[in-house]
Amino acid sequence: MRIFGLGPLELIIIIAIVCVLFGPIIFKKLNKQVKATGKAAKKGIESGAKAAGTDIKVDEINKDSVLDKVESIQNRVDKMFDDAEKDTEEAAESSSEKAQ
């Protein structure tokens, strides 16, 4: 694959040189933007939780408990789909028996 007549190796070398020359400036700005985005997201989650009537502190969330809750919700949804599928199969069997 060639971009502007340059192969992958040439592109990697150019990118490496640009990172060395402009890296400190760009990475400082990028780091500040990432931190600001994280703070804004955290503030948004907490204010959304307050609006919903609950008080959540993002720093105090236990990852394992969240994963357990997600897994239990997935299990309930899977059970609902399994039950619906069984009901559909039973309905199809009963209608085919009536047709005979």
PDB file of N, CA and C in Angstrom:
ATOM      1  N   MET A   1       0.841  -1.171   0.000  1.00  0.00           N
ATOM      2  CA  MET A   1       0.000   0.000   0.000  1.00  0.00           C
ATOM      3  C   MET A   1       0.891   1.240   0.000  1.00  0.00           C
ATOM      4  N   ARG A   2       0.657   2.105  -0.908  1.00  0.00           N
ATOM      5  CA  ARG A   2       1.462   3.314  -1.024  1.00  0.00           C
ATOM      6  C   ARG A   2       0.570   4.540  -0.852  1.00  0.00           C
ATOM      7  N   ILE A   3       1.045   5.465  -0.029  1.00  0.00           N
ATOM      8  CA  ILE A   3       0.345   6.722   0.185  1.00  0.00           C
ATOM      9  C   ILE A   3       1.294   7.836  -0.232  1.00  0.00           C
ATOM     10  N   PHE A   4       0.894   8.644  -1.211  1.00  0.00           N
ATOM     11  CA  PHE A   4       1.725   9.704  -1.774  1.00  0.00           C
ATOM     12  C   PHE A   4       3.060   9.144  -2.281  1.00  0.00           C
ATOM     13  N   GLY A   5       3.039   7.937  -2.784  1.00  0.00           N
ATOM     14  CA  GLY A   5       4.254   7.326  -3.313  1.00  0.00           C
ATOM     15  C   GLY A   5       5.212   6.831  -2.239  1.00  0.00           C
ATOM     16  N   LEU A   6       4.773   6.841  -0.984  1.00  0.00           N
ATOM     17  CA  LEU A   6       5.613   6.380   0.121  1.00  0.00           C
ATOM     18  C   LEU A   6       5.110   5.042   0.629  1.00  0.00           C
ATOM     19  N   GLY A   7       6.030   4.178   0.941  1.00  0.00           N
ATOM     20  CA  GLY A   7       5.684   2.879   1.495  1.00  0.00           C
ATOM     21  C   GLY A   7       5.470   2.969   2.999  1.00  0.00           C
ATOM     22  N   PRO A   8       5.078   1.864   3.623  1.00  0.00           N
ATOM     23  CA  PRO A   8       4.808   1.866   5.060  1.00  0.00           C
ATOM     24  C   PRO A   8       6.040   2.230   5.905  1.00  0.00           C
ATOM     25  N   LEU A   9       7.205   1.757   5.509  1.00  0.00           N
ATOM     26  CA  LEU A   9       8.412   2.042   6.274  1.00  0.00           C
ATOM     27  C   LEU A   9       8.732   3.534   6.245  1.00  0.00           C
ATOM     28  N   GLU A  10       8.611   4.157   5.089  1.00  0.00           N
ATOM     29  CA  GLU A  10       8.883   5.585   4.991  1.00  0.00           C
ATOM     30  C   GLU A  10       7.894   6.397   5.832  1.00  0.00           C
ATOM     31  N   LEU A  11       6.621   5.988   5.803  1.00  0.00           N
ATOM     32  CA  LEU A  11       5.609   6.685   6.598  1.00  0.00           C
ATOM     33  C   LEU A  11       5.897   6.562   8.097  1.00  0.00           C
ATOM     34  N   ILE A  12       6.316   5.397   8.535  1.00  0.00           N
ATOM     35  CA  ILE A  12       6.646   5.197   9.947  1.00  0.00           C
ATOM     36  C   ILE A  12       7.823   6.076  10.350  1.00  0.00           C
ATOM     37  N   ILE A  13       8.822   6.172   9.490  1.00  0.00           N
ATOM     38  CA  ILE A  13       9.987   7.009   9.780  1.00  0.00           C
ATOM     39  C   ILE A  13       9.580   8.477   9.875  1.00  0.00           C
ATOM     40  N   ILE A  14       8.734   8.934   8.953  1.00  0.00           N
ATOM     41  CA  ILE A  14       8.269  10.323   8.978  1.00  0.00           C
ATOM     42  C   ILE A  14       7.467  10.601  10.245  1.00  0.00           C
ATOM     43  N   ILE A  15       6.593   9.687  10.603  1.00  0.00           N
ATOM     44  CA  ILE A  15       5.791   9.858  11.819  1.00  0.00           C
ATOM     45  C   ILE A  15       6.687   9.892  13.055  1.00  0.00           C
ATOM     46  N   ALA A  16       7.704   9.034  13.092  1.00  0.00           N
ATOM     47  CA  ALA A  16       8.639   9.021  14.225  1.00  0.00           C
ATOM     48  C   ALA A  16       9.383  10.350  14.332  1.00  0.00           C
ATOM     49  N   ILE A  17       9.834  10.903  13.212  1.00  0.00           N
ATOM     50  CA  ILE A  17      10.548  12.185  13.225  1.00  0.00           C
ATOM     51  C   ILE A  17       9.628  13.304  13.704  1.00  0.00           C
ATOM     52  N   VAL A  18       8.391  13.318  13.232  1.00  0.00           N
ATOM     53  CA  VAL A  18       7.427  14.333  13.661  1.00  0.00           C
ATOM     54  C   VAL A  18       7.169  14.217  15.166  1.00  0.00           C
ATOM     55  N   CYS A  19       7.046  12.987  15.662  1.00  0.00           N
ATOM     56  CA  CYS A  19       6.822  12.791  17.100  1.00  0.00           C
ATOM     57  C   CYS A  19       8.010  13.274  17.921  1.00  0.00           C
ATOM     58  N   VAL A  20       9.210  13.046  17.436  1.00  0.00           N
ATOM     59  CA  VAL A  20      10.397  13.509  18.159  1.00  0.00           C
ATOM     60  C   VAL A  20      10.464  15.033  18.166  1.00  0.00           C
ATOM     61  N   LEU A  21      10.178  15.656  17.021  1.00  0.00           N
ATOM     62  CA  LEU A  21      10.273  17.107  16.934  1.00  0.00           C
ATOM     63  C   LEU A  21       9.152  17.826  17.676  1.00  0.00           C
ATOM     64  N   PHE A  22       7.918  17.386  17.468  1.00  0.00           N
ATOM     65  CA  PHE A  22       6.767  18.081  18.024  1.00  0.00           C
ATOM     66  C   PHE A  22       6.122  17.346  19.189  1.00  0.00           C
ATOM     67  N   GLY A  23       6.649  16.199  19.548  1.00  0.00           N
ATOM     68  CA  GLY A  23       6.047  15.347  20.569  1.00  0.00           C
ATOM     69  C   GLY A  23       5.765  16.012  21.888  1.00  0.00           C
ATOM     70  N   PRO A  24       6.770  16.649  22.505  1.00  0.00           N
ATOM     71  CA  PRO A  24       6.515  17.231  23.831  1.00  0.00           C
ATOM     72  C   PRO A  24       5.377  18.248  23.833  1.00  0.00           C
ATOM     73  N   ILE A  25       5.311  19.074  22.820  1.00  0.00           N
ATOM     74  CA  ILE A  25       4.263  20.100  22.749  1.00  0.00           C
ATOM     75  C   ILE A  25       2.903  19.444  22.538  1.00  0.00           C
ATOM     76  N   ILE A  26       2.843  18.552  21.570  1.00  0.00           N
ATOM     77  CA  ILE A  26       1.570  17.897  21.232  1.00  0.00           C
ATOM     78  C   ILE A  26       1.095  17.026  22.385  1.00  0.00           C
ATOM     79  N   PHE A  27       2.006  16.267  23.008  1.00  0.00           N
ATOM     80  CA  PHE A  27       1.601  15.358  24.072  1.00  0.00           C
ATOM     81  C   PHE A  27       1.166  16.107  25.325  1.00  0.00           C
ATOM     82  N   LYS A  28       1.751  17.284  25.595  1.00  0.00           N
ATOM     83  CA  LYS A  28       1.291  18.089  26.727  1.00  0.00           C
ATOM     84  C   LYS A  28      -0.135  18.566  26.490  1.00  0.00           C
ATOM     85  N   LYS A  29      -0.395  19.062  25.276  1.00  0.00           N
ATOM     86  CA  LYS A  29      -1.745  19.529  24.945  1.00  0.00           C
ATOM     87  C   LYS A  29      -2.742  18.368  24.990  1.00  0.00           C
ATOM     88  N   LEU A  30      -2.347  17.250  24.432  1.00  0.00           N
ATOM     89  CA  LEU A  30      -3.216  16.079  24.414  1.00  0.00           C
ATOM     90  C   LEU A  30      -3.506  15.605  25.832  1.00  0.00           C
ATOM     91  N   ASN A  31      -2.492  15.600  26.687  1.00  0.00           N
ATOM     92  CA  ASN A  31      -2.673  15.186  28.071  1.00  0.00           C
ATOM     93  C   ASN A  31      -3.661  16.108  28.788  1.00  0.00           C
ATOM     94  N   LYS A  32      -3.545  17.414  28.580  1.00  0.00           N
ATOM     95  CA  LYS A  32      -4.469  18.358  29.194  1.00  0.00           C
ATOM     96  C   LYS A  32      -5.896  18.131  28.705  1.00  0.00           C
ATOM     97  N   GLN A  33      -6.035  17.877  27.406  1.00  0.00           N
ATOM     98  CA  GLN A  33      -7.367  17.647  26.849  1.00  0.00           C
ATOM     99  C   GLN A  33      -7.989  16.366  27.396  1.00  0.00           C
ATOM    100  N   VAL A  34      -7.183  15.325  27.526  1.00  0.00           N
ATOM    101  CA  VAL A  34      -7.698  14.052  28.053  1.00  0.00           C
ATOM    102  C   VAL A  34      -8.130  14.225  29.504  1.00  0.00           C
ATOM    103  N   LYS A  35      -7.315  14.939  30.301  1.00  0.00           N
ATOM    104  CA  LYS A  35      -7.688  15.182  31.698  1.00  0.00           C
ATOM    105  C   LYS A  35      -8.973  15.988  31.784  1.00  0.00           C
ATOM    106  N   ALA A  36      -9.091  17.020  30.969  1.00  0.00           N
ATOM    107  CA  ALA A  36     -10.296  17.854  30.982  1.00  0.00           C
ATOM    108  C   ALA A  36     -11.526  17.049  30.571  1.00  0.00           C
ATOM    109  N   THR A  37     -11.358  16.199  29.585  1.00  0.00           N
ATOM    110  CA  THR A  37     -12.468  15.358  29.133  1.00  0.00           C
ATOM    111  C   THR A  37     -12.890  14.394  30.228  1.00  0.00           C
ATOM    112  N   GLY A  38     -11.921  13.798  30.906  1.00  0.00           N
ATOM    113  CA  GLY A  38     -12.225  12.876  32.003  1.00  0.00           C
ATOM    114  C   GLY A  38     -12.960  13.569  33.128  1.00  0.00           C
ATOM    115  N   LYS A  39     -12.508  14.770  33.499  1.00  0.00           N
ATOM    116  CA  LYS A  39     -13.175  15.523  34.559  1.00  0.00           C
ATOM    117  C   LYS A  39     -14.597  15.894  34.153  1.00  0.00           C
ATOM    118  N   ALA A  40     -14.777  16.296  32.897  1.00  0.00           N
ATOM    119  CA  ALA A  40     -16.108  16.670  32.420  1.00  0.00           C
ATOM    120  C   ALA A  40     -17.045  15.456  32.405  1.00  0.00           C
ATOM    121  N   ALA A  41     -16.526  14.318  31.997  1.00  0.00           N
ATOM    122  CA  ALA A  41     -17.348  13.105  31.975  1.00  0.00           C
ATOM    123  C   ALA A  41     -17.743  12.706  33.395  1.00  0.00           C
ATOM    124  N   LYS A  42     -16.797  12.784  34.304  1.00  0.00           N
ATOM    125  CA  LYS A  42     -17.066  12.450  35.703  1.00  0.00           C
ATOM    126  C   LYS A  42     -18.131  13.380  36.279  1.00  0.00           C
ATOM    127  N   LYS A  43     -17.984  14.674  36.010  1.00  0.00           N
ATOM    128  CA  LYS A  43     -18.942  15.661  36.502  1.00  0.00           C
ATOM    129  C   LYS A  43     -20.320  15.404  35.882  1.00  0.00           C
ATOM    130  N   GLY A  44     -20.350  15.057  34.590  1.00  0.00           N
ATOM    131  CA  GLY A  44     -21.615  14.780  33.918  1.00  0.00           C
ATOM    132  C   GLY A  44     -22.321  13.563  34.479  1.00  0.00           C
ATOM    133  N   ILE A  45     -21.561  12.509  34.774  1.00  0.00           N
ATOM    134  CA  ILE A  45     -22.153  11.295  35.348  1.00  0.00           C
ATOM    135  C   ILE A  45     -22.737  11.599  36.720  1.00  0.00           C
ATOM    136  N   GLU A  46     -21.980  12.333  37.537  1.00  0.00           N
ATOM    137  CA  GLU A  46     -22.464  12.641  38.875  1.00  0.00           C
ATOM    138  C   GLU A  46     -23.684  13.552  38.847  1.00  0.00           C
ATOM    139  N   SER A  47     -23.689  14.549  37.957  1.00  0.00           N
ATOM    140  CA  SER A  47     -24.856  15.445  37.889  1.00  0.00           C
ATOM    141  C   SER A  47     -26.066  14.710  37.304  1.00  0.00           C
ATOM    142  N   GLY A  48     -25.831  13.803  36.371  1.00  0.00           N
ATOM    143  CA  GLY A  48     -26.926  12.990  35.838  1.00  0.00           C
ATOM    144  C   GLY A  48     -27.520  12.081  36.893  1.00  0.00           C
ATOM    145  N   ALA A  49     -26.665  11.532  37.743  1.00  0.00           N
ATOM    146  CA  ALA A  49     -27.148  10.683  38.826  1.00  0.00           C
ATOM    147  C   ALA A  49     -27.957  11.493  39.828  1.00  0.00           C
ATOM    148  N   LYS A  50     -27.515  12.715  40.118  1.00  0.00           N
ATOM    149  CA  LYS A  50     -28.279  13.578  41.031  1.00  0.00           C
ATOM    150  C   LYS A  50     -29.643  13.897  40.438  1.00  0.00           C
ATOM    151  N   ALA A  51     -29.676  14.167  39.137  1.00  0.00           N
ATOM    152  CA  ALA A  51     -30.947  14.475  38.474  1.00  0.00           C
ATOM    153  C   ALA A  51     -31.883  13.276  38.507  1.00  0.00           C
ATOM    154  N   ALA A  52     -31.304  12.074  38.503  1.00  0.00           N
ATOM    155  CA  ALA A  52     -32.113  10.854  38.544  1.00  0.00           C
ATOM    156  C   ALA A  52     -32.540  10.506  39.961  1.00  0.00           C
ATOM    157  N   GLY A  53     -32.016  11.265  40.943  1.00  0.00           N
ATOM    158  CA  GLY A  53     -32.431  11.026  42.318  1.00  0.00           C
ATOM    159  C   GLY A  53     -31.493  10.133  43.100  1.00  0.00           C
ATOM    160  N   THR A  54     -30.335   9.849  42.568  1.00  0.00           N
ATOM    161  CA  THR A  54     -29.355   9.050  43.297  1.00  0.00           C
ATOM    162  C   THR A  54     -28.077   9.860  43.428  1.00  0.00           C
ATOM    163  N   ASP A  55     -27.284   9.496  44.406  1.00  0.00           N
ATOM    164  CA  ASP A  55     -26.026  10.201  44.626  1.00  0.00           C
ATOM    165  C   ASP A  55     -24.886   9.222  44.384  1.00  0.00           C
ATOM    166  N   ILE A  56     -24.203   9.379  43.260  1.00  0.00           N
ATOM    167  CA  ILE A  56     -23.116   8.475  42.891  1.00  0.00           C
ATOM    168  C   ILE A  56     -21.824   9.259  42.846  1.00  0.00           C
ATOM    169  N   LYS A  57     -20.822   8.732  43.483  1.00  0.00           N
ATOM    170  CA  LYS A  57     -19.475   9.281  43.371  1.00  0.00           C
ATOM    171  C   LYS A  57     -18.687   8.326  42.489  1.00  0.00           C
ATOM    172  N   VAL A  58     -18.231   8.820  41.353  1.00  0.00           N
ATOM    173  CA  VAL A  58     -17.555   7.977  40.368  1.00  0.00           C
ATOM    174  C   VAL A  58     -16.307   7.329  40.959  1.00  0.00           C
ATOM    175  N   ASP A  59     -15.623   8.048  41.853  1.00  0.00           N
ATOM    176  CA  ASP A  59     -14.406   7.498  42.447  1.00  0.00           C
ATOM    177  C   ASP A  59     -14.691   6.310  43.348  1.00  0.00           C
ATOM    178  N   GLU A  60     -15.921   6.209  43.855  1.00  0.00           N
ATOM    179  CA  GLU A  60     -16.265   5.160  44.802  1.00  0.00           C
ATOM    180  C   GLU A  60     -16.942   3.958  44.149  1.00  0.00           C
ATOM    181  N   ILE A  61     -17.058   3.936  42.852  1.00  0.00           N
ATOM    182  CA  ILE A  61     -17.723   2.827  42.168  1.00  0.00           C
ATOM    183  C   ILE A  61     -16.804   1.613  42.165  1.00  0.00           C
ATOM    184  N   ASN A  62     -17.357   0.491  42.564  1.00  0.00           N
ATOM    185  CA  ASN A  62     -16.617  -0.766  42.584  1.00  0.00           C
ATOM    186  C   ASN A  62     -16.831  -1.473  41.246  1.00  0.00           C
ATOM    187  N   LYS A  63     -15.768  -1.669  40.526  1.00  0.00           N
ATOM    188  CA  LYS A  63     -15.836  -2.261  39.182  1.00  0.00           C
ATOM    189  C   LYS A  63     -16.469  -3.647  39.224  1.00  0.00           C
ATOM    190  N   ASP A  64     -16.123  -4.463  40.219  1.00  0.00           N
ATOM    191  CA  ASP A  64     -16.656  -5.825  40.290  1.00  0.00           C
ATOM    192  C   ASP A  64     -18.161  -5.831  40.516  1.00  0.00           C
ATOM    193  N   SER A  65     -18.653  -4.925  41.351  1.00  0.00           N
ATOM    194  CA  SER A  65     -20.093  -4.902  41.600  1.00  0.00           C
ATOM    195  C   SER A  65     -20.851  -4.462  40.346  1.00  0.00           C
ATOM    196  N   VAL A  66     -20.279  -3.528  39.593  1.00  0.00           N
ATOM    197  CA  VAL A  66     -20.912  -3.094  38.348  1.00  0.00           C
ATOM    198  C   VAL A  66     -20.954  -4.252  37.353  1.00  0.00           C
ATOM    199  N   LEU A  67     -19.834  -4.976  37.235  1.00  0.00           N
ATOM    200  CA  LEU A  67     -19.802  -6.115  36.315  1.00  0.00           C
ATOM    201  C   LEU A  67     -20.785  -7.199  36.737  1.00  0.00           C
ATOM    202  N   ASP A  68     -20.935  -7.430  38.049  1.00  0.00           N
ATOM    203  CA  ASP A  68     -21.902  -8.410  38.538  1.00  0.00           C
ATOM    204  C   ASP A  68     -23.323  -7.993  38.181  1.00  0.00           C
ATOM    205  N   LYS A  69     -23.615  -6.699  38.335  1.00  0.00           N
ATOM    206  CA  LYS A  69     -24.955  -6.216  37.994  1.00  0.00           C
ATOM    207  C   LYS A  69     -25.228  -6.350  36.498  1.00  0.00           C
ATOM    208  N   VAL A  70     -24.241  -6.026  35.682  1.00  0.00           N
ATOM    209  CA  VAL A  70     -24.402  -6.155  34.231  1.00  0.00           C
ATOM    210  C   VAL A  70     -24.627  -7.617  33.865  1.00  0.00           C
ATOM    211  N   GLU A  71     -23.872  -8.504  34.492  1.00  0.00           N
ATOM    212  CA  GLU A  71     -24.022  -9.934  34.197  1.00  0.00           C
ATOM    213  C   GLU A  71     -25.397 -10.429  34.611  1.00  0.00           C
ATOM    214  N   SER A  72     -25.907  -9.970  35.756  1.00  0.00           N
ATOM    215  CA  SER A  72     -27.235 -10.413  36.186  1.00  0.00           C
ATOM    216  C   SER A  72     -28.313  -9.891  35.232  1.00  0.00           C
ATOM    217  N   ILE A  73     -28.133  -8.665  34.739  1.00  0.00           N
ATOM    218  CA  ILE A  73     -29.091  -8.122  33.770  1.00  0.00           C
ATOM    219  C   ILE A  73     -29.040  -8.927  32.477  1.00  0.00           C
ATOM    220  N   GLN A  74     -27.823  -9.269  32.033  1.00  0.00           N
ATOM    221  CA  GLN A  74     -27.690 -10.078  30.819  1.00  0.00           C
ATOM    222  C   GLN A  74     -28.358 -11.437  30.997  1.00  0.00           C
ATOM    223  N   ASN A  75     -28.201 -12.038  32.176  1.00  0.00           N
ATOM    224  CA  ASN A  75     -28.826 -13.341  32.433  1.00  0.00           C
ATOM    225  C   ASN A  75     -30.345 -13.232  32.390  1.00  0.00           C
ATOM    226  N   ARG A  76     -30.889 -12.137  32.963  1.00  0.00           N
ATOM    227  CA  ARG A  76     -32.347 -11.952  32.925  1.00  0.00           C
ATOM    228  C   ARG A  76     -32.850 -11.774  31.495  1.00  0.00           C
ATOM    229  N   VAL A  77     -32.110 -11.002  30.714  1.00  0.00           N
ATOM    230  CA  VAL A  77     -32.510 -10.779  29.322  1.00  0.00           C
ATOM    231  C   VAL A  77     -32.432 -12.086  28.536  1.00  0.00           C
ATOM    232  N   ASP A  78     -31.349 -12.858  28.748  1.00  0.00           N
ATOM    233  CA  ASP A  78     -31.232 -14.153  28.073  1.00  0.00           C
ATOM    234  C   ASP A  78     -32.391 -15.066  28.448  1.00  0.00           C
ATOM    235  N   LYS A  79     -32.770 -15.071  29.720  1.00  0.00           N
ATOM    236  CA  LYS A  79     -33.890 -15.904  30.169  1.00  0.00           C
ATOM    237  C   LYS A  79     -35.186 -15.456  29.515  1.00  0.00           C
ATOM    238  N   MET A  80     -35.383 -14.138  29.406  1.00  0.00           N
ATOM    239  CA  MET A  80     -36.591 -13.632  28.755  1.00  0.00           C
ATOM    240  C   MET A  80     -36.660 -14.090  27.303  1.00  0.00           C
ATOM    241  N   PHE A  81     -35.519 -14.012  26.589  1.00  0.00           N
ATOM    242  CA  PHE A  81     -35.511 -14.449  25.201  1.00  0.00           C
ATOM    243  C   PHE A  81     -35.713 -15.956  25.090  1.00  0.00           C
ATOM    244  N   ASP A  82     -35.128 -16.713  26.012  1.00  0.00           N
ATOM    245  CA  ASP A  82     -35.322 -18.164  25.996  1.00  0.00           C
ATOM    246  C   ASP A  82     -36.780 -18.513  26.244  1.00  0.00           C
ATOM    247  N   ASP A  83     -37.402 -17.833  27.212  1.00  0.00           N
ATOM    248  CA  ASP A  83     -38.815 -18.071  27.494  1.00  0.00           C
ATOM    249  C   ASP A  83     -39.692 -17.707  26.302  1.00  0.00           C
ATOM    250  N   ALA A  84     -39.378 -16.588  25.670  1.00  0.00           N
ATOM    251  CA  ALA A  84     -40.159 -16.168  24.504  1.00  0.00           C
ATOM    252  C   ALA A  84     -39.990 -17.166  23.360  1.00  0.00           C
ATOM    253  N   GLU A  85     -38.781 -17.671  23.200  1.00  0.00           N
ATOM    254  CA  GLU A  85     -38.530 -18.658  22.144  1.00  0.00           C
ATOM    255  C   GLU A  85     -39.289 -19.949  22.421  1.00  0.00           C
ATOM    256  N   LYS A  86     -39.329 -20.393  23.685  1.00  0.00           N
ATOM    257  CA  LYS A  86     -40.081 -21.600  24.042  1.00  0.00           C
ATOM    258  C   LYS A  86     -41.563 -21.397  23.797  1.00  0.00           C
ATOM    259  N   ASP A  87     -42.077 -20.207  24.167  1.00  0.00           N
ATOM    260  CA  ASP A  87     -43.490 -19.920  23.944  1.00  0.00           C
ATOM    261  C   ASP A  87     -43.818 -19.948  22.460  1.00  0.00           C
ATOM    262  N   THR A  88     -42.933 -19.416  21.636  1.00  0.00           N
ATOM    263  CA  THR A  88     -43.141 -19.404  20.189  1.00  0.00           C
ATOM    264  C   THR A  88     -43.142 -20.825  19.641  1.00  0.00           C
ATOM    265  N   GLU A  89     -42.201 -21.645  20.121  1.00  0.00           N
ATOM    266  CA  GLU A  89     -42.141 -23.041  19.666  1.00  0.00           C
ATOM    267  C   GLU A  89     -43.385 -23.807  20.089  1.00  0.00           C
ATOM    268  N   GLU A  90     -43.832 -23.594  21.338  1.00  0.00           N
ATOM    269  CA  GLU A  90     -45.035 -24.276  21.815  1.00  0.00           C
ATOM    270  C   GLU A  90     -46.255 -23.842  21.017  1.00  0.00           C
ATOM    271  N   ALA A  91     -46.331 -22.563  20.702  1.00  0.00           N
ATOM    272  CA  ALA A  91     -47.465 -22.066  19.918  1.00  0.00           C
ATOM    273  C   ALA A  91     -47.434 -22.664  18.517  1.00  0.00           C
ATOM    274  N   ALA A  92     -46.255 -22.780  17.940  1.00  0.00           N
ATOM    275  CA  ALA A  92     -46.145 -23.363  16.597  1.00  0.00           C
ATOM    276  C   ALA A  92     -46.517 -24.839  16.624  1.00  0.00           C
ATOM    277  N   GLU A  93     -46.103 -25.561  17.666  1.00  0.00           N
ATOM    278  CA  GLU A  93     -46.443 -26.986  17.782  1.00  0.00           C
ATOM    279  C   GLU A  93     -47.943 -27.178  17.967  1.00  0.00           C
ATOM    280  N   SER A  94     -48.553 -26.352  18.816  1.00  0.00           N
ATOM    281  CA  SER A  94     -49.982 -26.514  19.057  1.00  0.00           C
ATOM    282  C   SER A  94     -50.794 -26.157  17.813  1.00  0.00           C
ATOM    283  N   SER A  95     -50.348 -25.153  17.068  1.00  0.00           N
ATOM    284  CA  SER A  95     -51.087 -24.807  15.849  1.00  0.00           C
ATOM    285  C   SER A  95     -50.913 -25.865  14.777  1.00  0.00           C
ATOM    286  N   SER A  96     -49.742 -26.515  14.733  1.00  0.00           N
ATOM    287  CA  SER A  96     -49.541 -27.586  13.749  1.00  0.00           C
ATOM    288  C   SER A  96     -50.344 -28.822  14.140  1.00  0.00           C
ATOM    289  N   GLU A  97     -50.496 -29.070  15.452  1.00  0.00           N
ATOM    290  CA  GLU A  97     -51.316 -30.202  15.897  1.00  0.00           C
ATOM    291  C   GLU A  97     -52.776 -29.968  15.575  1.00  0.00           C
ATOM    292  N   LYS A  98     -53.240 -28.733  15.724  1.00  0.00           N
ATOM    293  CA  LYS A  98     -54.630 -28.395  15.417  1.00  0.00           C
ATOM    294  C   LYS A  98     -54.892 -28.525  13.925  1.00  0.00           C
ATOM    295  N   ALA A  99     -53.874 -28.206  13.118  1.00  0.00           N
ATOM    296  CA  ALA A  99     -54.022 -28.259  11.659  1.00  0.00           C
ATOM    297  C   ALA A  99     -54.151 -29.710  11.189  1.00  0.00           C
ATOM    298  N   GLN A 100     -53.593 -30.640  11.952  1.00  0.00           N
ATOM    299  CA  GLN A 100     -53.653 -32.053  11.533  1.00  0.00           C
ATOM    300  C   GLN A 100     -54.947 -32.596  11.948  1.00  0.00           C
TER     301      GLN A 100
END
